[in-house]
């Protein structure tokens, strides 16, 4: 009996000692890349402070979000530091040690750090040669209308066969973990694919976009320097099927079993309904044991027209042999989609309608309505074109198109992704009346318009269309010969061109112009 009591108290002492050690022991110091391997554990990391934001949601919370980058590397960890946010944050570029619990929710991973001592500055600092996103975010006016070199991570991939990209530059390699997002427009072609999540350095011109009330960075593709390519993401079978559309164009890895059904290849996941269309490469097809093989399959997510679905492309030419075919007489009403959108999400349909506003050749987004003009229109939906259109698509121009119905979680709306389309005749030019003024003319911005007047030239060589017998005039953008042509005619002329607004000098004012080029 005595021995049993000795064993009992010894066991109790050992358990107490282990619990005491667990409380007082120092957390393990790990690499930033290893965070995802320590869920719900308290760890330490060391890195360079590159960004922070106080009370990120403006709710009066005692919280500061920080981004800490691997020293000499390209990985970034997000820190949620619960502390009085009036506390002094170390300067950007400071080497810091962070202690916190690895937390994860809905695919997002961060370190949850609490109280003083959770973030400690080491006294060392790193001087950056480029501007940091947090510096632009805290004081954008100081960078306005100037060229700057800035680094960050891309929110989307840059494709080599596309001449215009609109995306975000982030302070974290993952969109959900980013605290600062700078809208960028990249013009020109990159030499090869630049993957989503890539760490890049770029030079661009920062300006405020008055139309959308946001700052934007205009960048030429040749000014994008890739510091580190983004990591390949894993497809989550548990996510909603339509969520795959947000990763179209990205490199991914899919875990599953290869199958073949009536000549169509697919990858099957753990559940009976987990199934992803597969476009095998030539080497895949030459492998006799390809069908039924289990493994991790890498490729790029693409939209395949004939399958009307997102597919994993492993090298197959998705453009050859994929003719759209005839549109047919039947089409789906836009109003039906607007009334019950989730009955159509993911499907491929034929639609007919009218473009509501002009869409330039270098832009691929707009709106389509079920009426020819504002007064006859009941429904208007977002349309995005996949592919190039060499000329303007005019306002009120009829269009018939094949499109996939998608749901944009970020914008909370239906998007019609058009892959092929037929345009009707462009509508006649809108007639501008002298004396109507800004409130009337502004509705025709970007449209083809017509106005009657005489061309006059000022002392600086600028050309103007003038109303006969008055001081009213509108600037004329042409090839410079319009004034001479007017002199030979000797009477007012009907001028047809695209209505735009141009800045006047540097005093932030603007004027209407008609571009007849």
Protein backbone atom coordinates (compact mmCIF):
# COMPACT_ATOMS: atom_id res chain seq x y z
CA UNK A 1 0.00 0.00 0.00
CA UNK A 2 2.85 2.35 0.87
CA UNK A 3 4.37 1.77 -2.57
CA UNK A 4 1.10 2.72 -4.24
CA UNK A 5 0.99 6.03 -2.36
CA UNK A 6 4.60 6.70 -3.36
CA UNK A 7 3.77 6.03 -7.03
CA UNK A 8 0.68 8.24 -6.83
CA UNK A 9 2.54 11.24 -5.38
CA UNK A 10 5.43 10.72 -7.80
CA UNK A 11 3.03 10.78 -10.76
CA UNK A 12 1.32 13.87 -9.35
CA UNK A 13 4.70 15.59 -9.00
CA UNK A 14 5.69 14.72 -12.56
CA UNK A 15 2.40 16.04 -14.01
CA UNK A 16 2.75 19.26 -12.01
CA UNK A 17 6.33 19.67 -13.19
CA UNK A 18 5.31 19.14 -16.83
CA UNK A 19 2.47 21.69 -16.54
CA UNK A 20 4.85 24.18 -14.89
CA UNK A 21 7.38 23.67 -17.68
CA UNK A 22 4.69 24.18 -20.31
CA UNK A 23 3.82 27.53 -18.72
CA UNK A 24 7.32 28.92 -18.22
CA UNK A 25 9.13 27.49 -21.25
CA UNK A 26 10.10 29.80 -24.07
CA UNK A 27 8.10 29.36 -27.30
CA UNK A 28 9.99 27.85 -30.22
CA UNK A 29 11.61 30.28 -32.67
CA UNK A 30 10.48 29.24 -36.16
CA UNK A 31 10.86 30.46 -39.73
CA UNK A 32 8.02 32.50 -41.19
CA UNK A 33 7.50 29.84 -43.87
CA UNK A 34 6.81 27.26 -41.16
CA UNK A 35 3.92 29.05 -39.43
CA UNK A 36 1.21 26.94 -41.07
CA UNK A 37 2.82 23.82 -39.54
CA UNK A 38 2.12 24.99 -35.94
CA UNK A 39 -1.67 25.51 -35.68
CA UNK A 40 -2.89 26.74 -32.27
CA UNK A 41 0.66 26.75 -30.88
CA UNK A 42 2.50 29.73 -29.41
CA UNK A 43 5.66 30.46 -31.38
CA UNK A 44 8.19 33.21 -32.05
CA UNK A 45 9.31 34.65 -35.37
CA UNK A 46 11.85 37.26 -36.37
CA UNK A 47 11.61 39.54 -39.37
CA UNK A 48 11.48 43.06 -40.77
CA UNK A 49 8.46 45.26 -40.07
CA UNK A 50 7.20 46.35 -43.51
CA UNK A 51 3.64 47.58 -42.84
CA UNK A 52 1.08 48.24 -40.12
CA UNK A 53 -2.39 49.69 -39.66
CA UNK A 54 -4.07 50.79 -36.42
CA UNK A 55 -7.66 49.71 -35.70
CA UNK A 56 -8.03 48.21 -39.23
CA UNK A 57 -11.85 48.19 -39.28
CA UNK A 58 -12.38 51.59 -37.64
CA UNK A 59 -14.38 50.14 -34.76
CA UNK A 60 -12.36 51.65 -31.93
CA UNK A 61 -10.62 48.35 -31.17
CA UNK A 62 -7.29 48.23 -29.31
CA UNK A 63 -5.60 46.42 -32.15
CA UNK A 64 -2.71 46.97 -34.54
CA UNK A 65 -2.17 44.74 -37.58
CA UNK A 66 1.44 44.31 -38.68
CA UNK A 67 3.18 42.67 -41.63
CA UNK A 68 6.58 41.12 -40.85
CA UNK A 69 8.76 39.98 -43.74
CA UNK A 70 11.40 37.27 -43.64
CA UNK A 71 14.89 38.80 -43.36
CA UNK A 72 16.48 38.52 -46.78
CA UNK A 73 13.48 36.55 -48.07
CA UNK A 74 10.04 37.04 -49.56
CA UNK A 75 7.62 35.43 -47.11
CA UNK A 76 5.38 37.62 -44.96
CA UNK A 77 3.47 36.91 -41.75
CA UNK A 78 0.46 38.87 -40.55
CA UNK A 79 0.32 39.83 -36.87
CA UNK A 80 -2.81 40.86 -35.00
CA UNK A 81 -1.47 42.69 -31.95
CA UNK A 82 -4.07 43.43 -29.26
CA UNK A 83 -2.72 46.47 -27.44
CA UNK A 84 -3.60 50.10 -26.91
CA UNK A 85 -3.17 51.32 -30.49
CA UNK A 86 -1.82 54.63 -29.26
CA UNK A 87 1.26 52.63 -28.35
CA UNK A 88 4.36 53.56 -30.35
CA UNK A 89 4.94 51.15 -33.24
CA UNK A 90 8.59 50.54 -34.27
CA UNK A 91 9.60 52.35 -37.49
CA UNK A 92 9.21 50.60 -40.82
CA UNK A 93 12.35 48.60 -41.53
CA UNK A 94 12.95 47.64 -37.88
CA UNK A 95 13.95 44.04 -37.16
CA UNK A 96 11.41 42.71 -34.63
CA UNK A 97 10.75 39.53 -32.67
CA UNK A 98 7.08 38.57 -32.42
CA UNK A 99 5.48 36.06 -30.06
CA UNK A 100 1.94 34.84 -30.65
CA UNK A 101 -0.47 31.98 -31.18
CA UNK A 102 -0.85 30.65 -34.72
CA UNK A 103 -4.50 31.19 -35.62
CA UNK A 104 -6.40 30.10 -38.71
CA UNK A 105 -9.87 30.87 -40.02
CA UNK A 106 -11.36 30.34 -43.45
CA UNK A 107 -7.95 29.76 -45.00
CA UNK A 108 -6.33 32.83 -43.40
CA UNK A 109 -3.36 32.37 -41.08
CA UNK A 110 -1.97 34.94 -38.64
CA UNK A 111 -0.19 35.29 -35.32
CA UNK A 112 -2.44 36.41 -32.45
CA UNK A 113 -0.22 38.49 -30.13
CA UNK A 114 -1.43 40.10 -26.91
CA UNK A 115 -0.05 42.82 -24.68
CA UNK A 116 3.27 44.53 -24.17
CA UNK A 117 6.34 42.44 -24.89
CA UNK A 118 4.66 40.47 -27.66
CA UNK A 119 6.44 42.60 -30.26
CA UNK A 120 10.02 43.58 -29.42
CA UNK A 121 12.30 45.76 -31.57
CA UNK A 122 15.83 44.35 -31.82
CA UNK A 123 17.42 47.76 -32.44
CA UNK A 124 18.50 46.84 -35.95
CA UNK A 125 16.93 48.42 -39.03
CA UNK A 126 17.01 47.91 -42.78
CA UNK A 127 17.02 50.80 -45.27
CA UNK A 128 14.69 50.16 -48.21
CA UNK A 129 15.52 51.41 -51.69
CA UNK A 130 11.85 51.38 -52.66
CA UNK A 131 8.71 52.94 -51.23
CA UNK A 132 6.53 50.82 -48.96
CA UNK A 133 2.76 50.55 -49.39
CA UNK A 134 2.16 51.78 -45.84
CA UNK A 135 4.01 55.02 -46.62
CA UNK A 136 1.76 55.70 -49.62
CA UNK A 137 -1.32 54.73 -47.62
CA UNK A 138 -0.54 57.05 -44.72
CA UNK A 139 0.26 60.09 -46.87
CA UNK A 140 -0.69 59.60 -50.54
CA UNK A 141 -0.74 63.33 -51.29
CA UNK A 142 3.02 63.51 -50.88
CA UNK A 143 3.41 60.97 -53.72
CA UNK A 144 0.64 62.33 -55.98
CA UNK A 145 1.45 62.89 -59.66
CA UNK A 146 4.97 61.59 -59.26
CA UNK A 147 6.95 58.54 -60.28
CA UNK A 148 7.89 56.12 -57.54
CA UNK A 149 9.45 52.71 -57.13
CA UNK A 150 7.41 50.44 -54.89
CA UNK A 151 7.36 46.77 -53.97
CA UNK A 152 4.65 44.34 -52.95
CA UNK A 153 2.81 41.17 -53.91
CA UNK A 154 0.43 40.75 -56.88
CA UNK A 155 -3.21 39.92 -56.25
CA UNK A 156 -3.58 38.25 -59.68
CA UNK A 157 -1.39 36.71 -62.37
CA UNK A 158 0.04 38.70 -65.29
CA UNK A 159 -0.44 36.81 -68.56
CA UNK A 160 2.03 37.27 -71.46
CA UNK A 161 -0.73 37.38 -74.10
CA UNK A 162 -2.67 40.25 -72.49
CA UNK A 163 -1.80 43.92 -73.04
CA UNK A 164 -3.78 45.39 -70.13
CA UNK A 165 -4.10 44.21 -66.54
CA UNK A 166 -5.93 45.78 -63.60
CA UNK A 167 -5.16 44.32 -60.19
CA UNK A 168 -3.82 45.17 -56.73
CA UNK A 169 -0.36 45.45 -55.21
CA UNK A 170 -0.53 44.04 -51.67
CA UNK A 171 1.64 44.03 -48.54
CA UNK A 172 1.08 40.28 -48.09
CA UNK A 173 1.36 37.41 -50.53
CA UNK A 174 -2.23 36.37 -49.75
CA UNK A 175 -5.20 38.64 -50.54
CA UNK A 176 -7.01 37.76 -47.30
CA UNK A 177 -3.94 38.63 -45.21
CA UNK A 178 -3.19 42.00 -46.81
CA UNK A 179 -3.65 45.24 -44.85
CA UNK A 180 -2.87 47.64 -47.72
CA UNK A 181 -4.03 47.31 -51.33
CA UNK A 182 -2.91 49.72 -54.07
CA UNK A 183 -4.86 49.55 -57.33
CA UNK A 184 -2.49 49.26 -60.31
CA UNK A 185 -2.95 49.27 -64.07
CA UNK A 186 -0.25 47.45 -66.04
CA UNK A 187 -0.07 48.24 -69.75
CA UNK A 188 1.96 46.20 -72.25
CA UNK A 189 2.95 42.54 -72.38
CA UNK A 190 5.14 40.76 -69.88
CA UNK A 191 7.66 38.27 -71.33
CA UNK A 192 6.35 35.29 -69.35
CA UNK A 193 3.70 34.49 -66.75
CA UNK A 194 4.04 36.35 -63.45
CA UNK A 195 2.06 34.33 -60.95
CA UNK A 196 -0.42 35.58 -58.35
CA UNK A 197 1.32 36.20 -55.03
CA UNK A 198 4.64 37.04 -56.72
CA UNK A 199 6.88 39.53 -54.93
CA UNK A 200 7.60 42.34 -57.39
CA UNK A 201 9.23 45.74 -57.57
CA UNK A 202 7.81 48.22 -60.06
CA UNK A 203 8.08 51.82 -61.18
CA UNK A 204 4.90 53.75 -61.88
CA UNK A 205 3.07 57.04 -61.83
CA UNK A 206 0.72 57.60 -58.87
CA UNK A 207 -2.42 59.61 -59.46
CA UNK A 208 -5.90 60.02 -57.99
CA UNK A 209 -8.65 58.54 -60.14
CA UNK A 210 -11.53 60.99 -59.76
CA UNK A 211 -13.95 58.67 -61.53
CA UNK A 212 -13.66 55.85 -59.00
CA UNK A 213 -12.44 57.90 -56.02
CA UNK A 214 -9.25 55.93 -55.45
CA UNK A 215 -5.51 56.17 -55.94
CA UNK A 216 -3.98 54.18 -58.75
CA UNK A 217 -0.49 53.40 -60.02
CA UNK A 218 0.04 53.40 -63.79
CA UNK A 219 2.78 50.93 -64.73
CA UNK A 220 4.38 49.78 -67.97
CA UNK A 221 4.94 46.02 -68.17
CA UNK A 222 8.66 46.59 -68.80
CA UNK A 223 8.91 48.26 -65.37
CA UNK A 224 7.78 45.16 -63.46
CA UNK A 225 10.72 43.38 -61.82
CA UNK A 226 9.94 39.94 -60.39
CA UNK A 227 11.79 39.38 -57.11
CA UNK A 228 10.19 36.02 -56.35
CA UNK A 229 7.52 34.02 -58.15
CA UNK A 230 4.35 33.27 -56.19
CA UNK A 231 3.73 29.86 -54.68
CA UNK A 232 1.39 27.35 -56.28
CA UNK A 233 -1.92 27.16 -54.38
CA UNK A 234 -3.80 23.98 -53.46
CA UNK A 235 -7.43 23.63 -54.57
CA UNK A 236 -9.70 23.21 -51.56
CA UNK A 237 -12.36 20.60 -52.34
CA UNK A 238 -14.48 21.87 -49.43
CA UNK A 239 -14.89 25.34 -51.00
CA UNK A 240 -17.93 26.25 -53.08
CA UNK A 241 -17.56 25.25 -56.73
CA UNK A 242 -17.97 28.81 -58.04
CA UNK A 243 -15.01 29.90 -55.88
CA UNK A 244 -12.74 28.29 -58.48
CA UNK A 245 -13.59 31.07 -60.93
CA UNK A 246 -11.56 33.51 -58.80
CA UNK A 247 -8.45 31.41 -59.46
CA UNK A 248 -8.78 31.17 -63.23
CA UNK A 249 -5.38 31.90 -64.73
CA UNK A 250 -3.45 30.80 -61.63
CA UNK A 251 -1.14 27.84 -61.13
CA UNK A 252 -2.67 25.33 -58.71
CA UNK A 253 -2.27 21.79 -57.39
CA UNK A 254 -5.24 19.44 -57.14
CA UNK A 255 -5.14 16.26 -55.06
CA UNK A 256 -7.30 13.47 -56.43
CA UNK A 257 -7.80 10.53 -58.77
CA UNK A 258 -7.71 10.85 -62.55
CA UNK A 259 -10.79 9.50 -64.30
CA UNK A 260 -12.25 9.22 -67.80
CA UNK A 261 -15.96 9.40 -68.58
CA UNK A 262 -17.27 9.28 -72.17
CA UNK A 263 -14.02 10.72 -73.49
CA UNK A 264 -13.90 13.53 -70.89
CA UNK A 265 -11.03 13.57 -68.41
CA UNK A 266 -11.50 14.71 -64.82
CA UNK A 267 -9.91 14.72 -61.36
CA UNK A 268 -12.05 13.21 -58.61
CA UNK A 269 -11.81 14.43 -55.01
CA UNK A 270 -12.60 12.70 -51.70
CA UNK A 271 -16.39 13.20 -51.93
CA UNK A 272 -18.60 11.72 -54.68
CA UNK A 273 -19.50 15.21 -55.92
CA UNK A 274 -15.88 16.47 -55.96
CA UNK A 275 -15.00 16.55 -59.64
CA UNK A 276 -12.86 18.94 -61.71
CA UNK A 277 -12.54 18.95 -65.49
CA UNK A 278 -9.01 18.00 -66.64
CA UNK A 279 -7.17 18.96 -69.85
CA UNK A 280 -4.24 16.49 -69.95
CA UNK A 281 -0.88 17.19 -71.55
CA UNK A 282 0.57 15.09 -74.38
CA UNK A 283 2.81 13.26 -71.90
CA UNK A 284 -0.24 12.48 -69.74
CA UNK A 285 -2.06 10.93 -72.68
CA UNK A 286 0.98 8.85 -73.65
CA UNK A 287 1.07 7.32 -70.15
CA UNK A 288 -0.81 4.01 -70.23
CA UNK A 289 -1.45 4.13 -66.48
CA UNK A 290 -2.71 7.72 -66.38
CA UNK A 291 -6.37 6.82 -65.83
CA UNK A 292 -7.03 5.86 -62.22
CA UNK A 293 -3.77 7.27 -60.89
CA UNK A 294 -3.89 9.05 -57.52
CA UNK A 295 -1.65 12.04 -56.80
CA UNK A 296 -1.14 15.81 -56.72
CA UNK A 297 -1.84 17.26 -60.15
CA UNK A 298 -0.38 20.65 -61.05
CA UNK A 299 -1.57 22.98 -63.81
CA UNK A 300 -3.25 26.26 -64.60
CA UNK A 301 -6.96 26.82 -64.06
CA UNK A 302 -8.64 27.88 -67.32
CA UNK A 303 -12.13 28.32 -68.64
CA UNK A 304 -12.96 25.76 -71.34
CA UNK A 305 -15.73 26.81 -73.69
CA UNK A 306 -16.96 23.42 -74.85
CA UNK A 307 -17.14 22.09 -71.28
CA UNK A 308 -18.54 25.43 -70.02
CA UNK A 309 -16.56 24.85 -66.84
CA UNK A 310 -13.33 25.62 -65.04
CA UNK A 311 -10.67 23.04 -65.94
CA UNK A 312 -7.17 22.13 -64.85
CA UNK A 313 -4.95 22.71 -67.89
CA UNK A 314 -1.83 20.51 -67.87
CA UNK A 315 -0.53 21.61 -71.28
CA UNK A 316 -3.41 20.95 -73.68
CA UNK A 317 -4.08 23.73 -76.22
CA UNK A 318 -7.41 24.98 -74.96
CA UNK A 319 -8.02 27.30 -77.91
CA UNK A 320 -7.78 24.87 -80.81
CA UNK A 321 -10.87 22.94 -81.78
CA UNK A 322 -13.10 24.93 -79.48
CA UNK A 323 -15.42 26.74 -81.83
CA UNK A 324 -18.40 28.42 -80.25
CA UNK A 325 -20.79 27.53 -83.04
CA UNK A 326 -24.05 29.26 -83.94
CA UNK A 327 -25.87 31.31 -81.36
CA UNK A 328 -29.28 30.05 -82.33
CA UNK A 329 -32.61 31.85 -82.10
CA UNK A 330 -33.30 31.21 -78.43
CA UNK A 331 -31.73 33.35 -75.73
CA UNK A 332 -32.03 33.83 -71.98
CA UNK A 333 -33.62 37.02 -70.70
CA UNK A 334 -31.38 39.24 -68.55
CA UNK A 335 -34.34 39.84 -66.26
CA UNK A 336 -34.58 36.11 -65.48
CA UNK A 337 -30.98 36.08 -64.24
CA UNK A 338 -31.48 39.24 -62.17
CA UNK A 339 -34.62 37.78 -60.58
CA UNK A 340 -33.07 34.44 -59.56
CA UNK A 341 -29.28 34.66 -60.10
CA UNK A 342 -28.22 31.58 -58.14
CA UNK A 343 -30.28 29.35 -60.41
CA UNK A 344 -27.97 30.39 -63.26
CA UNK A 345 -24.57 30.65 -61.52
CA UNK A 346 -21.96 28.53 -63.31
CA UNK A 347 -24.10 27.98 -66.40
CA UNK A 348 -23.37 28.97 -70.01
CA UNK A 349 -26.19 30.84 -71.81
CA UNK A 350 -26.93 32.99 -74.83
CA UNK A 351 -28.05 36.56 -74.07
CA UNK A 352 -29.22 39.54 -76.07
CA UNK A 353 -29.28 43.19 -75.08
CA UNK A 354 -27.78 46.64 -75.50
CA UNK A 355 -24.48 48.00 -74.15
CA UNK A 356 -25.29 50.89 -71.80
CA UNK A 357 -22.04 52.91 -72.06
CA UNK A 358 -19.11 52.97 -74.51
CA UNK A 359 -16.39 50.35 -73.97
CA UNK A 360 -12.96 51.24 -75.36
CA UNK A 361 -10.71 48.68 -77.11
CA UNK A 362 -8.29 48.65 -74.16
CA UNK A 363 -11.01 47.89 -71.60
CA UNK A 364 -13.02 44.70 -71.13
CA UNK A 365 -15.80 45.60 -68.67
CA UNK A 366 -19.14 47.33 -68.99
CA UNK A 367 -22.89 46.87 -68.56
CA UNK A 368 -25.56 45.34 -70.75
CA UNK A 369 -29.27 46.12 -70.46
CA UNK A 370 -32.51 44.73 -71.77
CA UNK A 371 -33.60 48.05 -73.27
CA UNK A 372 -32.17 50.23 -76.00
CA UNK A 373 -31.96 53.29 -73.75
CA UNK A 374 -32.43 54.41 -70.16
CA UNK A 375 -36.21 54.83 -70.49
CA UNK A 376 -36.89 51.38 -71.93
CA UNK A 377 -34.44 49.47 -69.72
CA UNK A 378 -35.61 47.38 -66.76
CA UNK A 379 -32.48 45.29 -66.11
CA UNK A 380 -28.76 46.08 -66.28
CA UNK A 381 -26.03 43.50 -65.56
CA UNK A 382 -22.23 43.59 -65.49
CA UNK A 383 -20.52 42.14 -68.58
CA UNK A 384 -16.83 41.24 -68.88
CA UNK A 385 -15.29 40.35 -72.24
CA UNK A 386 -12.69 37.58 -72.51
CA UNK A 387 -10.68 38.37 -75.61
CA UNK A 388 -9.85 41.48 -77.58
CA UNK A 389 -12.17 43.83 -79.44
CA UNK A 390 -10.34 46.11 -81.85
CA UNK A 391 -12.88 48.96 -81.88
CA UNK A 392 -15.16 50.81 -79.49
CA UNK A 393 -18.39 49.10 -78.52
CA UNK A 394 -20.79 52.00 -78.50
CA UNK A 395 -23.51 52.94 -76.04
CA UNK A 396 -26.94 51.58 -77.04
CA UNK A 397 -25.30 49.18 -79.51
CA UNK A 398 -27.09 45.84 -79.70
CA UNK A 399 -25.13 42.72 -78.75
CA UNK A 400 -25.82 39.00 -78.81
CA UNK A 401 -23.34 36.92 -76.83
CA UNK A 402 -22.52 33.63 -75.17
CA UNK A 403 -21.55 34.06 -71.52
CA UNK A 404 -21.03 32.23 -68.28
CA UNK A 405 -22.98 33.53 -65.29
CA UNK A 406 -20.66 34.13 -62.35
CA UNK A 407 -21.20 35.54 -58.88
CA UNK A 408 -18.66 38.10 -57.65
CA UNK A 409 -18.35 37.70 -53.90
CA UNK A 410 -16.16 40.81 -53.64
CA UNK A 411 -18.73 43.03 -55.39
CA UNK A 412 -21.85 41.11 -54.42
CA UNK A 413 -23.27 41.01 -57.94
CA UNK A 414 -23.80 38.88 -61.04
CA UNK A 415 -21.12 39.01 -63.76
CA UNK A 416 -21.69 37.78 -67.31
CA UNK A 417 -18.34 36.54 -68.65
CA UNK A 418 -18.67 36.80 -72.44
CA UNK A 419 -16.44 34.60 -74.59
CA UNK A 420 -17.96 35.26 -78.02
CA UNK A 421 -20.33 37.92 -79.31
CA UNK A 422 -21.97 39.50 -82.34
CA UNK A 423 -22.52 43.27 -82.46
CA UNK A 424 -25.31 45.10 -84.22
CA UNK A 425 -24.89 48.36 -86.10
CA UNK A 426 -23.58 51.27 -84.06
CA UNK A 427 -26.31 53.79 -83.21
CA UNK A 428 -26.27 57.24 -84.87
CA UNK A 429 -24.38 60.07 -83.23
CA UNK A 430 -26.12 61.95 -80.40
CA UNK A 431 -26.98 65.54 -81.23
CA UNK A 432 -25.43 68.17 -78.95
CA UNK A 433 -27.32 71.43 -78.63
CA UNK A 434 -25.50 74.68 -77.96
CA UNK A 435 -26.58 76.22 -74.69
CA UNK A 436 -27.50 72.95 -72.93
CA UNK A 437 -24.32 73.09 -70.85
CA UNK A 438 -22.58 70.65 -68.58
CA UNK A 439 -25.63 69.05 -66.93
CA UNK A 440 -26.90 67.89 -70.33
CA UNK A 441 -23.66 67.14 -72.16
CA UNK A 442 -22.11 65.05 -69.36
CA UNK A 443 -24.51 62.18 -70.12
CA UNK A 444 -22.89 61.86 -73.57
CA UNK A 445 -19.28 61.63 -72.37
CA UNK A 446 -17.49 58.85 -74.24
CA UNK A 447 -20.21 58.65 -76.91
CA UNK A 448 -20.15 59.62 -80.58
CA UNK A 449 -21.81 63.02 -80.85
CA UNK A 450 -22.63 65.59 -83.51
CA UNK A 451 -22.56 69.37 -83.31
CA UNK A 452 -22.70 72.15 -85.89
CA UNK A 453 -20.21 75.01 -85.75
CA UNK A 454 -17.25 76.80 -87.27
CA UNK A 455 -13.65 75.79 -86.51
CA UNK A 456 -11.39 78.56 -85.27
CA UNK A 457 -7.75 78.44 -84.22
CA UNK A 458 -6.26 80.29 -81.26
CA UNK A 459 -2.83 81.89 -81.02
CA UNK A 460 -1.35 78.70 -79.54
CA UNK A 461 -2.50 76.57 -82.47
CA UNK A 462 -5.39 74.97 -80.62
CA UNK A 463 -8.59 74.26 -82.57
CA UNK A 464 -12.12 75.05 -81.35
CA UNK A 465 -15.64 74.50 -82.67
CA UNK A 466 -17.42 77.80 -82.19
CA UNK A 467 -21.11 78.62 -82.24
CA UNK A 468 -21.71 81.22 -84.91
CA UNK A 469 -22.38 84.68 -83.52
CA UNK A 470 -21.55 83.81 -79.88
CA UNK A 471 -18.69 83.16 -77.51
CA UNK A 472 -19.65 79.51 -76.95
CA UNK A 473 -17.06 76.98 -78.08
CA UNK A 474 -15.82 73.44 -77.53
CA UNK A 475 -12.28 72.20 -78.12
CA UNK A 476 -11.58 70.09 -81.20
CA UNK A 477 -9.09 67.20 -81.24
CA UNK A 478 -8.04 66.37 -84.78
CA UNK A 479 -5.03 66.03 -87.04
CA UNK A 480 -4.53 69.80 -87.29
CA UNK A 481 -6.01 70.28 -90.78
CA UNK A 482 -9.63 70.89 -89.70
CA UNK A 483 -9.21 74.68 -89.48
CA UNK A 484 -7.86 74.86 -93.04
CA UNK A 485 -10.69 72.64 -94.28
CA UNK A 486 -13.18 74.98 -92.60
CA UNK A 487 -11.69 78.00 -94.37
CA UNK A 488 -12.20 76.33 -97.74
CA UNK A 489 -15.85 75.54 -96.94
CA UNK A 490 -16.69 78.98 -95.57
CA UNK A 491 -19.76 77.97 -93.56
CA UNK A 492 -20.62 76.00 -90.37
CA UNK A 493 -19.96 72.26 -90.59
CA UNK A 494 -21.51 69.25 -88.86
CA UNK A 495 -18.71 67.75 -86.76
CA UNK A 496 -18.97 64.11 -85.62
CA UNK A 497 -16.60 62.70 -83.00
CA UNK A 498 -16.27 61.24 -79.51
CA UNK A 499 -17.06 63.55 -76.58
CA UNK A 500 -14.41 63.68 -73.88
CA UNK A 501 -13.16 65.90 -71.07
CA UNK A 502 -9.61 67.21 -71.09
CA UNK A 503 -7.65 68.91 -68.31
CA UNK A 504 -6.78 72.58 -68.66
CA UNK A 505 -3.22 73.33 -67.59
CA UNK A 506 -2.39 72.48 -63.98
CA UNK A 507 -5.29 74.16 -62.17
CA UNK A 508 -7.41 70.97 -61.95
CA UNK A 509 -10.11 72.34 -64.28
CA UNK A 510 -11.44 70.58 -67.37
CA UNK A 511 -13.29 71.25 -70.62
CA UNK A 512 -15.39 69.33 -73.12
CA UNK A 513 -13.69 68.22 -76.35
CA UNK A 514 -14.78 66.43 -79.50
CA UNK A 515 -12.25 63.96 -80.86
CA UNK A 516 -12.65 63.53 -84.63
CA UNK A 517 -9.46 61.54 -85.15
